């Protein structure tokens, strides 16, 4: 028999604004302010050592903002280049831009000896991401359409942090003591191999990708 007596609470506020700025340009703005607290981020077997105090859960993200703009000229429409009388030579095309900002997720810091200092009492750095998509349709006859598109994820090639080491709060330094036993000396080979092991590419977001 497996019984979970964990508890938690969630509260927050969501706001969304959307509209058309012209016949061609539309946009949305979304913002969330939220709290997620509980006494465990995963199911555990309850015993006398179970924590009963509420703390921020692993997925507690305070602020989340995103915006999305789409510029689209439909088939057969004319779009005049701003402040000119010139008609843009293309139609049936679309440009979409999305940007998001998210507060850092909590983590549990540790002392140099590996003792926890407070469950989820520190925050990782915030994350930002921008994506861009372009698409153009080309007609071949009355029944065939060929579509060209380009999608760029992480447009600004930002290095967002996905994970930090609890002893240092950094994604590329685990704070481990790699000195030789009973000395303060660090062998060059040990330092080199250790630097490779801690610089895990999974600790950062995926770099810019173009499809």
N, C-alpha and C. Protein backbone atom coordinates (compact mmCIF):
# COMPACT_ATOMS: atom_id res chain seq x y z
N UNK A 1 0.85 -1.19 0.00
CA UNK A 1 0.00 0.00 0.00
C UNK A 1 0.89 1.25 0.00
N UNK A 2 0.62 2.15 -0.92
CA UNK A 2 1.44 3.35 -1.09
C UNK A 2 0.54 4.56 -0.91
N UNK A 3 0.81 5.36 0.10
CA UNK A 3 -0.04 6.51 0.43
C UNK A 3 0.76 7.79 0.32
N UNK A 4 0.22 8.75 -0.40
CA UNK A 4 0.85 10.07 -0.48
C UNK A 4 -0.01 11.06 0.30
N UNK A 5 0.61 11.73 1.24
CA UNK A 5 -0.09 12.75 2.01
C UNK A 5 0.55 14.12 1.80
N UNK A 6 1.24 14.27 0.66
CA UNK A 6 1.81 15.57 0.32
C UNK A 6 0.69 16.56 0.03
N UNK A 7 1.00 17.82 0.15
CA UNK A 7 0.00 18.84 -0.14
C UNK A 7 0.69 20.04 -0.78
N UNK A 8 -0.09 20.84 -1.46
CA UNK A 8 0.47 22.01 -2.10
C UNK A 8 -0.61 23.03 -2.39
N UNK A 9 -0.19 24.19 -2.82
CA UNK A 9 -1.15 25.24 -3.16
C UNK A 9 -0.63 26.01 -4.36
N UNK A 10 -1.53 26.45 -5.17
CA UNK A 10 -1.16 27.22 -6.35
C UNK A 10 -2.09 28.42 -6.49
N UNK A 11 -1.53 29.55 -6.80
CA UNK A 11 -2.35 30.74 -7.02
C UNK A 11 -1.62 31.65 -7.99
N UNK A 12 -2.38 32.50 -8.65
CA UNK A 12 -1.74 33.38 -9.61
C UNK A 12 -2.75 34.19 -10.40
N UNK A 13 -2.21 34.90 -11.38
CA UNK A 13 -3.01 35.79 -12.21
C UNK A 13 -2.51 35.71 -13.63
N UNK A 14 -3.44 35.54 -14.57
CA UNK A 14 -3.11 35.50 -15.99
C UNK A 14 -3.75 36.70 -16.68
N UNK A 15 -2.98 37.34 -17.55
CA UNK A 15 -3.50 38.47 -18.32
C UNK A 15 -3.13 38.27 -19.78
N UNK A 16 -4.06 38.58 -20.67
CA UNK A 16 -3.82 38.41 -22.09
C UNK A 16 -4.44 39.57 -22.86
N UNK A 17 -3.67 40.15 -23.75
CA UNK A 17 -4.13 41.26 -24.58
C UNK A 17 -3.81 40.93 -26.02
N UNK A 18 -4.79 41.03 -26.89
CA UNK A 18 -4.55 40.75 -28.30
C UNK A 18 -5.34 41.73 -29.15
N UNK A 19 -4.81 42.01 -30.33
CA UNK A 19 -5.48 42.97 -31.19
C UNK A 19 -4.82 43.07 -32.54
N UNK A 20 -5.48 43.79 -33.43
CA UNK A 20 -4.97 44.03 -34.77
C UNK A 20 -4.56 45.49 -34.85
N UNK A 21 -3.30 45.73 -35.22
CA UNK A 21 -2.79 47.09 -35.32
C UNK A 21 -3.05 47.68 -36.71
N UNK A 22 -3.28 46.81 -37.68
CA UNK A 22 -3.62 47.22 -39.03
C UNK A 22 -4.22 46.01 -39.73
N UNK A 23 -4.48 46.14 -41.04
CA UNK A 23 -4.98 44.99 -41.80
C UNK A 23 -3.94 43.90 -41.93
N UNK A 24 -2.69 44.24 -41.68
CA UNK A 24 -1.60 43.29 -41.91
C UNK A 24 -0.91 42.84 -40.62
N UNK A 25 -0.97 43.64 -39.58
CA UNK A 25 -0.20 43.36 -38.37
C UNK A 25 -1.12 43.06 -37.19
N UNK A 26 -0.90 41.90 -36.55
CA UNK A 26 -1.63 41.52 -35.35
C UNK A 26 -0.62 41.16 -34.26
N UNK A 27 -1.04 41.23 -33.01
CA UNK A 27 -0.13 40.92 -31.92
C UNK A 27 -0.86 40.47 -30.67
N UNK A 28 -0.16 39.76 -29.81
CA UNK A 28 -0.69 39.33 -28.52
C UNK A 28 0.38 39.58 -27.46
N UNK A 29 -0.09 39.91 -26.25
CA UNK A 29 0.77 40.07 -25.08
C UNK A 29 0.17 39.23 -23.96
N UNK A 30 0.98 38.39 -23.35
CA UNK A 30 0.50 37.54 -22.26
C UNK A 30 1.45 37.65 -21.07
N UNK A 31 0.87 37.67 -19.86
CA UNK A 31 1.68 37.74 -18.64
C UNK A 31 1.02 36.90 -17.56
N UNK A 32 1.86 36.13 -16.86
CA UNK A 32 1.39 35.30 -15.75
C UNK A 32 2.22 35.61 -14.52
N UNK A 33 1.55 35.80 -13.40
CA UNK A 33 2.19 35.94 -12.09
C UNK A 33 1.67 34.80 -11.23
N UNK A 34 2.55 33.93 -10.76
CA UNK A 34 2.07 32.71 -10.11
C UNK A 34 2.97 32.28 -8.96
N UNK A 35 2.37 31.52 -8.04
CA UNK A 35 3.08 30.89 -6.92
C UNK A 35 2.66 29.44 -6.86
N UNK A 36 3.63 28.54 -6.69
CA UNK A 36 3.34 27.11 -6.51
C UNK A 36 4.15 26.63 -5.31
N UNK A 37 3.48 26.38 -4.20
CA UNK A 37 4.14 25.96 -2.96
C UNK A 37 3.60 24.61 -2.50
N UNK A 38 4.42 23.88 -1.78
CA UNK A 38 4.00 22.60 -1.25
C UNK A 38 5.08 22.04 -0.34
N UNK A 39 4.86 20.82 0.14
CA UNK A 39 5.86 20.23 1.03
C UNK A 39 6.70 19.16 0.34
N UNK A 40 6.43 18.91 -0.96
CA UNK A 40 7.27 18.02 -1.75
C UNK A 40 7.01 18.28 -3.23
N UNK A 41 8.09 18.22 -4.02
CA UNK A 41 7.93 18.38 -5.46
C UNK A 41 7.70 17.05 -6.16
N UNK A 42 7.83 15.96 -5.44
CA UNK A 42 7.55 14.63 -5.98
C UNK A 42 6.97 13.77 -4.86
N UNK A 43 6.34 12.68 -5.24
CA UNK A 43 5.71 11.81 -4.25
C UNK A 43 6.77 11.06 -3.45
N UNK A 44 6.66 11.10 -2.14
CA UNK A 44 7.59 10.39 -1.26
C UNK A 44 6.80 9.59 -0.24
N UNK A 45 7.47 8.59 0.34
CA UNK A 45 6.85 7.82 1.42
C UNK A 45 6.94 8.64 2.70
N UNK A 46 5.81 8.87 3.32
CA UNK A 46 5.78 9.70 4.51
C UNK A 46 6.35 8.96 5.72
N UNK A 47 7.21 9.63 6.48
CA UNK A 47 7.71 9.09 7.74
C UNK A 47 8.02 10.26 8.67
N UNK A 48 8.68 10.00 9.78
CA UNK A 48 8.92 11.05 10.76
C UNK A 48 9.87 12.14 10.25
N UNK A 49 10.62 11.85 9.18
CA UNK A 49 11.55 12.84 8.65
C UNK A 49 10.94 13.68 7.52
N UNK A 50 9.69 13.39 7.17
CA UNK A 50 9.06 14.11 6.07
C UNK A 50 8.91 15.60 6.40
N UNK A 51 9.26 16.42 5.45
CA UNK A 51 9.15 17.86 5.63
C UNK A 51 7.68 18.28 5.59
N UNK A 52 7.25 19.07 6.57
CA UNK A 52 5.86 19.54 6.62
C UNK A 52 5.74 21.02 6.29
N UNK A 53 6.86 21.68 6.09
CA UNK A 53 6.83 23.11 5.78
C UNK A 53 6.69 23.31 4.27
N UNK A 54 5.85 24.27 3.88
CA UNK A 54 5.70 24.57 2.47
C UNK A 54 6.89 25.38 1.96
N UNK A 55 7.30 25.11 0.74
CA UNK A 55 8.38 25.83 0.08
C UNK A 55 8.06 25.90 -1.41
N UNK A 56 8.75 26.74 -2.17
CA UNK A 56 8.50 26.79 -3.62
C UNK A 56 8.81 25.45 -4.27
N UNK A 57 7.88 24.96 -5.08
CA UNK A 57 8.07 23.69 -5.76
C UNK A 57 8.98 23.85 -6.97
N UNK A 58 9.44 22.73 -7.52
CA UNK A 58 10.43 22.77 -8.59
C UNK A 58 9.94 23.57 -9.81
N UNK A 59 8.64 23.58 -10.04
CA UNK A 59 8.08 24.25 -11.21
C UNK A 59 7.52 25.64 -10.87
N UNK A 60 7.87 26.16 -9.71
CA UNK A 60 7.40 27.48 -9.31
C UNK A 60 8.13 28.56 -10.12
N UNK A 61 7.41 29.20 -11.01
CA UNK A 61 7.96 30.27 -11.85
C UNK A 61 7.13 31.52 -11.61
N UNK A 62 7.77 32.54 -11.06
CA UNK A 62 7.00 33.71 -10.63
C UNK A 62 6.44 34.53 -11.79
N UNK A 63 7.28 34.87 -12.74
CA UNK A 63 6.86 35.74 -13.84
C UNK A 63 7.07 35.03 -15.18
N UNK A 64 6.08 35.17 -16.03
CA UNK A 64 6.16 34.59 -17.36
C UNK A 64 5.50 35.56 -18.33
N UNK A 65 6.31 36.12 -19.22
CA UNK A 65 5.80 37.09 -20.20
C UNK A 65 6.11 36.60 -21.60
N UNK A 66 5.15 36.77 -22.50
CA UNK A 66 5.39 36.41 -23.90
C UNK A 66 4.62 37.37 -24.80
N UNK A 67 5.18 37.59 -25.97
CA UNK A 67 4.52 38.42 -26.97
C UNK A 67 4.72 37.79 -28.33
N UNK A 68 3.76 38.01 -29.20
CA UNK A 68 3.77 37.39 -30.52
C UNK A 68 3.24 38.39 -31.53
N UNK A 69 4.01 38.68 -32.56
CA UNK A 69 3.59 39.59 -33.63
C UNK A 69 3.57 38.84 -34.96
N UNK A 70 2.53 39.06 -35.72
CA UNK A 70 2.46 38.45 -37.05
C UNK A 70 2.12 39.51 -38.09
N UNK A 71 2.96 39.57 -39.12
CA UNK A 71 2.72 40.46 -40.27
C UNK A 71 2.41 39.57 -41.47
N UNK A 72 1.25 39.76 -42.06
CA UNK A 72 0.82 38.89 -43.15
C UNK A 72 0.15 39.68 -44.26
N UNK A 73 0.60 39.46 -45.48
CA UNK A 73 -0.03 40.01 -46.67
C UNK A 73 -0.65 38.84 -47.42
N UNK A 74 -1.96 38.84 -47.53
CA UNK A 74 -2.66 37.72 -48.16
C UNK A 74 -2.51 37.76 -49.68
N UNK A 75 -2.90 36.67 -50.29
CA UNK A 75 -2.83 36.55 -51.74
C UNK A 75 -3.66 37.64 -52.41
N UNK A 76 -3.02 38.41 -53.27
CA UNK A 76 -3.72 39.45 -54.01
C UNK A 76 -3.78 40.79 -53.29
N UNK A 77 -3.34 40.87 -52.04
CA UNK A 77 -3.37 42.13 -51.31
C UNK A 77 -2.16 42.99 -51.66
N UNK A 78 -2.32 44.30 -51.49
CA UNK A 78 -1.24 45.24 -51.71
C UNK A 78 -0.84 45.88 -50.39
N UNK A 79 0.46 45.92 -50.16
CA UNK A 79 0.98 46.57 -48.96
C UNK A 79 1.97 47.64 -49.37
N UNK A 80 1.67 48.89 -48.97
CA UNK A 80 2.55 50.00 -49.29
C UNK A 80 3.66 50.11 -48.25
N UNK A 81 4.88 50.22 -48.70
CA UNK A 81 6.01 50.40 -47.80
C UNK A 81 5.78 51.69 -47.02
N UNK A 82 5.89 51.65 -45.68
CA UNK A 82 5.59 52.84 -44.86
C UNK A 82 6.31 54.10 -45.33
N UNK A 83 5.57 55.21 -45.30
CA UNK A 83 6.08 56.55 -45.64
C UNK A 83 6.46 56.69 -47.12
N UNK A 84 5.97 55.76 -47.95
CA UNK A 84 6.22 55.84 -49.39
C UNK A 84 4.93 55.50 -50.14
N UNK A 85 4.97 55.71 -51.43
CA UNK A 85 3.85 55.31 -52.30
C UNK A 85 4.19 54.04 -53.06
N UNK A 86 5.19 53.33 -52.58
CA UNK A 86 5.67 52.14 -53.27
C UNK A 86 4.97 50.88 -52.74
N UNK A 87 4.45 50.07 -53.64
CA UNK A 87 3.81 48.81 -53.26
C UNK A 87 4.87 47.73 -53.13
N UNK A 88 4.87 47.02 -52.01
CA UNK A 88 5.82 45.92 -51.82
C UNK A 88 5.58 44.87 -52.89
N UNK A 89 6.63 44.40 -53.56
CA UNK A 89 6.43 43.53 -54.73
C UNK A 89 5.97 42.11 -54.43
N UNK A 90 5.86 41.73 -53.17
CA UNK A 90 5.45 40.36 -52.82
C UNK A 90 4.08 40.37 -52.15
N UNK A 91 3.34 39.31 -52.35
CA UNK A 91 2.11 39.08 -51.60
C UNK A 91 2.08 37.61 -51.17
N UNK A 92 1.05 37.24 -50.44
CA UNK A 92 0.91 35.87 -49.93
C UNK A 92 2.17 35.44 -49.16
N UNK A 93 2.58 36.30 -48.21
CA UNK A 93 3.72 35.95 -47.38
C UNK A 93 3.43 36.34 -45.93
N UNK A 94 4.21 35.81 -45.00
CA UNK A 94 3.96 36.00 -43.58
C UNK A 94 5.29 36.04 -42.82
N UNK A 95 5.35 36.93 -41.82
CA UNK A 95 6.48 37.01 -40.90
C UNK A 95 5.92 36.93 -39.48
N UNK A 96 6.44 36.01 -38.67
CA UNK A 96 5.97 35.84 -37.31
C UNK A 96 7.15 35.93 -36.35
N UNK A 97 6.99 36.75 -35.30
CA UNK A 97 8.05 36.92 -34.30
C UNK A 97 7.46 36.66 -32.92
N UNK A 98 8.12 35.80 -32.14
CA UNK A 98 7.67 35.48 -30.79
C UNK A 98 8.83 35.66 -29.82
N UNK A 99 8.53 36.29 -28.68
CA UNK A 99 9.53 36.52 -27.64
C UNK A 99 8.94 36.14 -26.29
N UNK A 100 9.75 35.51 -25.44
CA UNK A 100 9.28 35.13 -24.11
C UNK A 100 10.36 35.40 -23.07
N UNK A 101 9.90 35.74 -21.87
CA UNK A 101 10.77 35.99 -20.71
C UNK A 101 10.19 35.21 -19.55
N UNK A 102 11.02 34.43 -18.88
CA UNK A 102 10.55 33.61 -17.77
C UNK A 102 11.50 33.74 -16.59
N UNK A 103 10.94 33.91 -15.39
CA UNK A 103 11.77 33.96 -14.18
C UNK A 103 12.50 32.64 -13.99
N UNK A 104 13.60 32.70 -13.26
CA UNK A 104 14.36 31.50 -12.99
C UNK A 104 13.62 30.52 -12.09
N UNK A 105 13.84 29.24 -12.33
CA UNK A 105 13.25 28.20 -11.49
C UNK A 105 14.06 28.04 -10.21
N UNK A 106 13.43 27.57 -9.13
CA UNK A 106 14.15 27.43 -7.85
C UNK A 106 15.05 26.19 -7.83
N UNK A 107 16.06 26.24 -6.99
CA UNK A 107 16.90 25.07 -6.75
C UNK A 107 17.36 25.12 -5.30
N UNK A 108 17.84 23.99 -4.80
CA UNK A 108 18.27 23.88 -3.41
C UNK A 108 19.78 24.03 -3.32
N UNK A 109 20.28 25.13 -2.74
CA UNK A 109 21.74 25.31 -2.62
C UNK A 109 22.34 24.36 -1.58
N UNK A 110 23.63 24.13 -1.71
CA UNK A 110 24.34 23.25 -0.78
C UNK A 110 25.63 23.91 -0.31
N UNK A 111 26.07 23.48 0.86
CA UNK A 111 27.37 23.91 1.35
C UNK A 111 28.46 23.14 0.61
N UNK A 112 29.70 23.50 0.84
CA UNK A 112 30.82 22.80 0.20
C UNK A 112 30.86 21.33 0.58
N UNK A 113 30.30 21.01 1.76
CA UNK A 113 30.28 19.62 2.21
C UNK A 113 29.07 18.86 1.69
N UNK A 114 28.16 19.54 0.97
CA UNK A 114 27.01 18.87 0.38
C UNK A 114 25.75 18.92 1.22
N UNK A 115 25.71 19.77 2.25
CA UNK A 115 24.52 19.88 3.09
C UNK A 115 23.57 20.93 2.51
N UNK A 116 22.29 20.58 2.45
CA UNK A 116 21.30 21.51 1.90
C UNK A 116 21.13 22.71 2.81
N UNK A 117 20.99 23.89 2.19
CA UNK A 117 20.86 25.13 2.96
C UNK A 117 19.42 25.61 3.07
N UNK A 118 18.52 25.02 2.35
CA UNK A 118 17.13 25.45 2.34
C UNK A 118 16.49 25.00 1.05
N UNK A 119 15.44 24.21 1.14
CA UNK A 119 14.85 23.61 -0.06
C UNK A 119 14.33 24.70 -0.99
N UNK A 120 14.84 24.68 -2.20
CA UNK A 120 14.42 25.63 -3.25
C UNK A 120 14.44 27.08 -2.77
N UNK A 121 15.51 27.43 -2.07
CA UNK A 121 15.61 28.78 -1.51
C UNK A 121 16.36 29.75 -2.43
N UNK A 122 16.93 29.24 -3.53
CA UNK A 122 17.62 30.10 -4.48
C UNK A 122 17.00 29.93 -5.87
N UNK A 123 17.27 30.91 -6.74
CA UNK A 123 16.71 30.88 -8.09
C UNK A 123 17.81 30.81 -9.14
N UNK A 124 17.55 30.04 -10.18
CA UNK A 124 18.44 30.04 -11.34
C UNK A 124 18.21 31.33 -12.13
N UNK A 125 19.11 31.68 -13.05
CA UNK A 125 18.92 32.90 -13.85
C UNK A 125 17.63 32.82 -14.69
N UNK A 126 17.10 33.98 -15.03
CA UNK A 126 15.91 34.01 -15.88
C UNK A 126 16.27 33.55 -17.29
N UNK A 127 15.25 33.21 -18.05
CA UNK A 127 15.46 32.76 -19.43
C UNK A 127 14.73 33.69 -20.40
N UNK A 128 15.31 33.86 -21.57
CA UNK A 128 14.70 34.63 -22.64
C UNK A 128 14.84 33.84 -23.94
N UNK A 129 13.82 33.95 -24.78
CA UNK A 129 13.89 33.23 -26.05
C UNK A 129 13.12 33.99 -27.10
N UNK A 130 13.64 34.00 -28.32
CA UNK A 130 12.98 34.64 -29.45
C UNK A 130 13.02 33.70 -30.64
N UNK A 131 11.89 33.59 -31.33
CA UNK A 131 11.79 32.76 -32.52
C UNK A 131 11.25 33.60 -33.68
N UNK A 132 11.70 33.30 -34.88
CA UNK A 132 11.26 34.02 -36.07
C UNK A 132 10.90 33.01 -37.15
N UNK A 133 9.77 33.25 -37.81
CA UNK A 133 9.34 32.38 -38.90
C UNK A 133 8.92 33.24 -40.09
N UNK A 134 9.38 32.85 -41.27
CA UNK A 134 9.00 33.51 -42.50
C UNK A 134 8.43 32.47 -43.46
N UNK A 135 7.40 32.85 -44.21
CA UNK A 135 6.78 31.92 -45.15
C UNK A 135 6.30 32.68 -46.37
N UNK A 136 6.46 32.07 -47.54
CA UNK A 136 6.02 32.65 -48.81
C UNK A 136 5.43 31.55 -49.68
N UNK A 137 4.23 31.79 -50.17
CA UNK A 137 3.57 30.83 -51.05
C UNK A 137 3.71 31.27 -52.50
N UNK A 138 4.00 30.31 -53.35
CA UNK A 138 4.15 30.57 -54.79
C UNK A 138 3.22 29.63 -55.53
N UNK A 139 2.39 30.20 -56.41
CA UNK A 139 1.41 29.39 -57.14
C UNK A 139 1.99 28.92 -58.47
N UNK A 140 1.68 27.67 -58.80
CA UNK A 140 2.00 27.10 -60.08
C UNK A 140 0.69 26.65 -60.72
N UNK A 141 0.17 27.48 -61.61
CA UNK A 141 -1.13 27.18 -62.18
C UNK A 141 -2.24 27.48 -61.19
N UNK A 142 -3.40 26.94 -61.41
CA UNK A 142 -4.57 27.22 -60.57
C UNK A 142 -4.74 26.22 -59.43
N UNK A 143 -4.00 25.12 -59.46
CA UNK A 143 -4.23 24.07 -58.47
C UNK A 143 -3.01 23.72 -57.63
N UNK A 144 -1.87 24.29 -57.95
CA UNK A 144 -0.65 23.91 -57.24
C UNK A 144 -0.04 25.13 -56.55
N UNK A 145 0.35 24.93 -55.30
CA UNK A 145 1.00 25.98 -54.51
C UNK A 145 2.25 25.41 -53.86
N UNK A 146 3.34 26.12 -54.01
CA UNK A 146 4.61 25.72 -53.40
C UNK A 146 4.91 26.71 -52.28
N UNK A 147 5.24 26.21 -51.10
CA UNK A 147 5.45 27.08 -49.95
C UNK A 147 6.91 27.04 -49.50
N UNK A 148 7.51 28.21 -49.43
CA UNK A 148 8.86 28.35 -48.89
C UNK A 148 8.76 28.89 -47.47
N UNK A 149 9.53 28.36 -46.57
CA UNK A 149 9.49 28.87 -45.20
C UNK A 149 10.86 28.74 -44.54
N UNK A 150 11.06 29.57 -43.55
CA UNK A 150 12.30 29.53 -42.75
C UNK A 150 11.93 29.76 -41.30
N UNK A 151 12.36 28.87 -40.43
CA UNK A 151 12.11 28.99 -38.99
C UNK A 151 13.45 29.10 -38.26
N UNK A 152 13.58 30.15 -37.47
CA UNK A 152 14.81 30.35 -36.68
C UNK A 152 14.43 30.30 -35.21
N UNK A 153 14.88 29.29 -34.52
CA UNK A 153 14.65 29.16 -33.08
C UNK A 153 15.84 29.73 -32.32
N UNK A 154 15.56 30.37 -31.18
CA UNK A 154 16.60 31.06 -30.40
C UNK A 154 17.33 32.05 -31.30
N UNK A 155 16.57 32.98 -31.84
CA UNK A 155 17.05 33.93 -32.84
C UNK A 155 18.33 34.64 -32.42
N UNK A 156 18.41 35.07 -31.16
CA UNK A 156 19.57 35.84 -30.69
C UNK A 156 20.65 34.95 -30.08
N UNK A 157 20.48 33.64 -30.24
CA UNK A 157 21.48 32.66 -29.79
C UNK A 157 21.81 32.84 -28.30
N UNK A 158 20.78 33.05 -27.51
CA UNK A 158 20.97 33.26 -26.07
C UNK A 158 21.30 31.93 -25.39
N UNK A 159 22.21 31.99 -24.44
CA UNK A 159 22.64 30.81 -23.70
C UNK A 159 21.88 30.75 -22.38
N UNK A 160 20.66 30.26 -22.43
CA UNK A 160 19.84 30.15 -21.22
C UNK A 160 20.31 28.98 -20.37
N UNK A 161 20.22 29.14 -19.06
CA UNK A 161 20.67 28.10 -18.13
C UNK A 161 19.51 27.17 -17.79
N UNK A 162 19.71 25.87 -18.02
CA UNK A 162 18.70 24.86 -17.68
C UNK A 162 18.95 24.22 -16.32
N UNK A 163 20.22 24.21 -15.88
CA UNK A 163 20.57 23.53 -14.63
C UNK A 163 21.81 24.19 -14.04
N UNK A 164 21.83 24.31 -12.71
CA UNK A 164 23.02 24.81 -12.01
C UNK A 164 23.43 23.80 -10.95
N UNK A 165 24.70 23.77 -10.64
CA UNK A 165 25.20 22.90 -9.57
C UNK A 165 24.87 23.52 -8.23
N UNK A 166 24.32 22.74 -7.31
CA UNK A 166 23.80 23.31 -6.05
C UNK A 166 24.87 23.92 -5.15
N UNK A 167 26.12 23.52 -5.28
CA UNK A 167 27.16 24.08 -4.41
C UNK A 167 27.59 25.48 -4.84
N UNK A 168 27.47 25.77 -6.12
CA UNK A 168 27.96 27.05 -6.64
C UNK A 168 26.88 27.92 -7.27
N UNK A 169 25.78 27.32 -7.67
CA UNK A 169 24.75 28.07 -8.38
C UNK A 169 25.16 28.40 -9.80
N UNK A 170 26.17 27.70 -10.34
CA UNK A 170 26.67 27.95 -11.69
C UNK A 170 26.48 26.71 -12.56
N UNK A 171 26.31 26.90 -13.86
CA UNK A 171 26.11 25.73 -14.74
C UNK A 171 27.40 25.06 -15.18
N UNK A 172 28.56 25.69 -14.90
CA UNK A 172 29.82 25.14 -15.38
C UNK A 172 30.86 24.95 -14.28
N UNK A 173 30.41 24.97 -13.03
CA UNK A 173 31.33 24.78 -11.90
C UNK A 173 30.56 24.08 -10.79
N UNK A 174 30.96 22.83 -10.49
CA UNK A 174 30.23 22.06 -9.48
C UNK A 174 30.79 22.23 -8.07
N UNK A 175 31.88 22.98 -7.92
CA UNK A 175 32.43 23.24 -6.60
C UNK A 175 33.10 22.05 -5.95
N UNK A 176 33.40 21.01 -6.72
CA UNK A 176 34.00 19.80 -6.15
C UNK A 176 35.46 20.03 -5.79
N UNK A 177 35.89 19.36 -4.78
CA UNK A 177 37.30 19.42 -4.37
C UNK A 177 38.06 18.35 -5.14
N UNK A 178 38.91 18.77 -6.08
CA UNK A 178 39.62 17.80 -6.91
C UNK A 178 41.12 17.78 -6.60
N UNK A 179 41.48 18.29 -5.43
CA UNK A 179 42.88 18.25 -5.03
C UNK A 179 43.29 16.83 -4.69
N UNK A 180 44.57 16.54 -4.83
CA UNK A 180 45.09 15.23 -4.45
C UNK A 180 44.91 15.02 -2.95
N UNK A 181 44.76 13.76 -2.56
CA UNK A 181 44.48 13.42 -1.16
C UNK A 181 45.53 14.02 -0.21
N UNK A 182 45.03 14.70 0.83
CA UNK A 182 45.85 15.28 1.89
C UNK A 182 46.79 16.38 1.40
N UNK A 183 46.49 16.96 0.25
CA UNK A 183 47.31 18.06 -0.27
C UNK A 183 46.38 19.11 -0.87
N UNK A 184 46.99 20.25 -1.28
CA UNK A 184 46.25 21.28 -1.99
C UNK A 184 46.61 21.28 -3.47
N UNK A 185 47.26 20.20 -3.92
CA UNK A 185 47.73 20.14 -5.30
C UNK A 185 46.67 19.53 -6.22
N UNK A 186 46.52 20.14 -7.40
CA UNK A 186 45.58 19.62 -8.40
C UNK A 186 46.38 19.21 -9.63
N UNK A 187 46.30 17.94 -10.00
CA UNK A 187 47.00 17.47 -11.19
C UNK A 187 46.34 18.08 -12.43
N UNK A 188 47.16 18.45 -13.40
CA UNK A 188 46.66 19.07 -14.63
C UNK A 188 45.67 18.15 -15.34
N UNK A 189 45.98 16.84 -15.36
CA UNK A 189 45.09 15.89 -16.03
C UNK A 189 43.73 15.84 -15.32
N UNK A 190 43.76 15.87 -14.00
CA UNK A 190 42.52 15.83 -13.23
C UNK A 190 41.68 17.08 -13.50
N UNK A 191 42.33 18.23 -13.51
CA UNK A 191 41.61 19.48 -13.76
C UNK A 191 40.99 19.49 -15.14
N UNK A 192 41.74 18.97 -16.13
CA UNK A 192 41.25 18.96 -17.51
C UNK A 192 40.02 18.05 -17.65
N UNK A 193 40.12 16.84 -17.16
CA UNK A 193 39.00 15.90 -17.27
C UNK A 193 37.78 16.38 -16.48
N UNK A 194 38.06 16.98 -15.33
CA UNK A 194 36.94 17.47 -14.52
C UNK A 194 36.23 18.63 -15.22
N UNK A 195 36.99 19.49 -15.88
CA UNK A 195 36.38 20.62 -16.58
C UNK A 195 35.49 20.12 -17.72
N UNK A 196 35.88 19.02 -18.36
CA UNK A 196 35.05 18.46 -19.42
C UNK A 196 33.76 17.87 -18.85
N UNK A 197 33.87 17.24 -17.70
CA UNK A 197 32.69 16.56 -17.14
C UNK A 197 31.65 17.54 -16.63
N UNK A 198 32.07 18.68 -16.08
CA UNK A 198 31.09 19.60 -15.50
C UNK A 198 30.46 20.51 -16.55
N UNK A 199 31.14 20.71 -17.67
CA UNK A 199 30.59 21.57 -18.72
C UNK A 199 29.66 20.77 -19.62
N UNK A 200 28.60 20.30 -19.00
CA UNK A 200 27.59 19.49 -19.69
C UNK A 200 26.73 20.40 -20.57
N UNK A 201 26.68 20.12 -21.85
CA UNK A 201 25.91 20.98 -22.75
C UNK A 201 24.42 20.99 -22.41
N UNK A 202 23.95 19.95 -21.73
CA UNK A 202 22.55 19.93 -21.32
C UNK A 202 22.21 20.94 -20.24
N UNK A 203 23.24 21.55 -19.65
CA UNK A 203 23.01 22.58 -18.63
C UNK A 203 22.55 23.90 -19.24
N UNK A 204 22.68 24.02 -20.57
CA UNK A 204 22.25 25.23 -21.27
C UNK A 204 21.21 24.88 -22.32
N UNK A 205 20.51 25.88 -22.77
CA UNK A 205 19.50 25.69 -23.80
C UNK A 205 20.15 25.40 -25.15
N UNK A 206 19.34 24.93 -26.08
CA UNK A 206 19.82 24.67 -27.44
C UNK A 206 20.19 25.97 -28.12
N UNK A 207 21.34 26.02 -28.78
CA UNK A 207 21.72 27.27 -29.47
C UNK A 207 20.82 27.52 -30.68
N UNK A 208 21.09 28.61 -31.39
CA UNK A 208 20.28 28.98 -32.54
C UNK A 208 20.19 27.84 -33.55
N UNK A 209 18.99 27.55 -34.00
CA UNK A 209 18.79 26.55 -35.05
C UNK A 209 17.98 27.16 -36.17
N UNK A 210 18.34 26.83 -37.39
CA UNK A 210 17.66 27.35 -38.57
C UNK A 210 17.13 26.18 -39.39
N UNK A 211 15.83 26.21 -39.66
CA UNK A 211 15.20 25.16 -40.46
C UNK A 211 14.72 25.79 -41.76
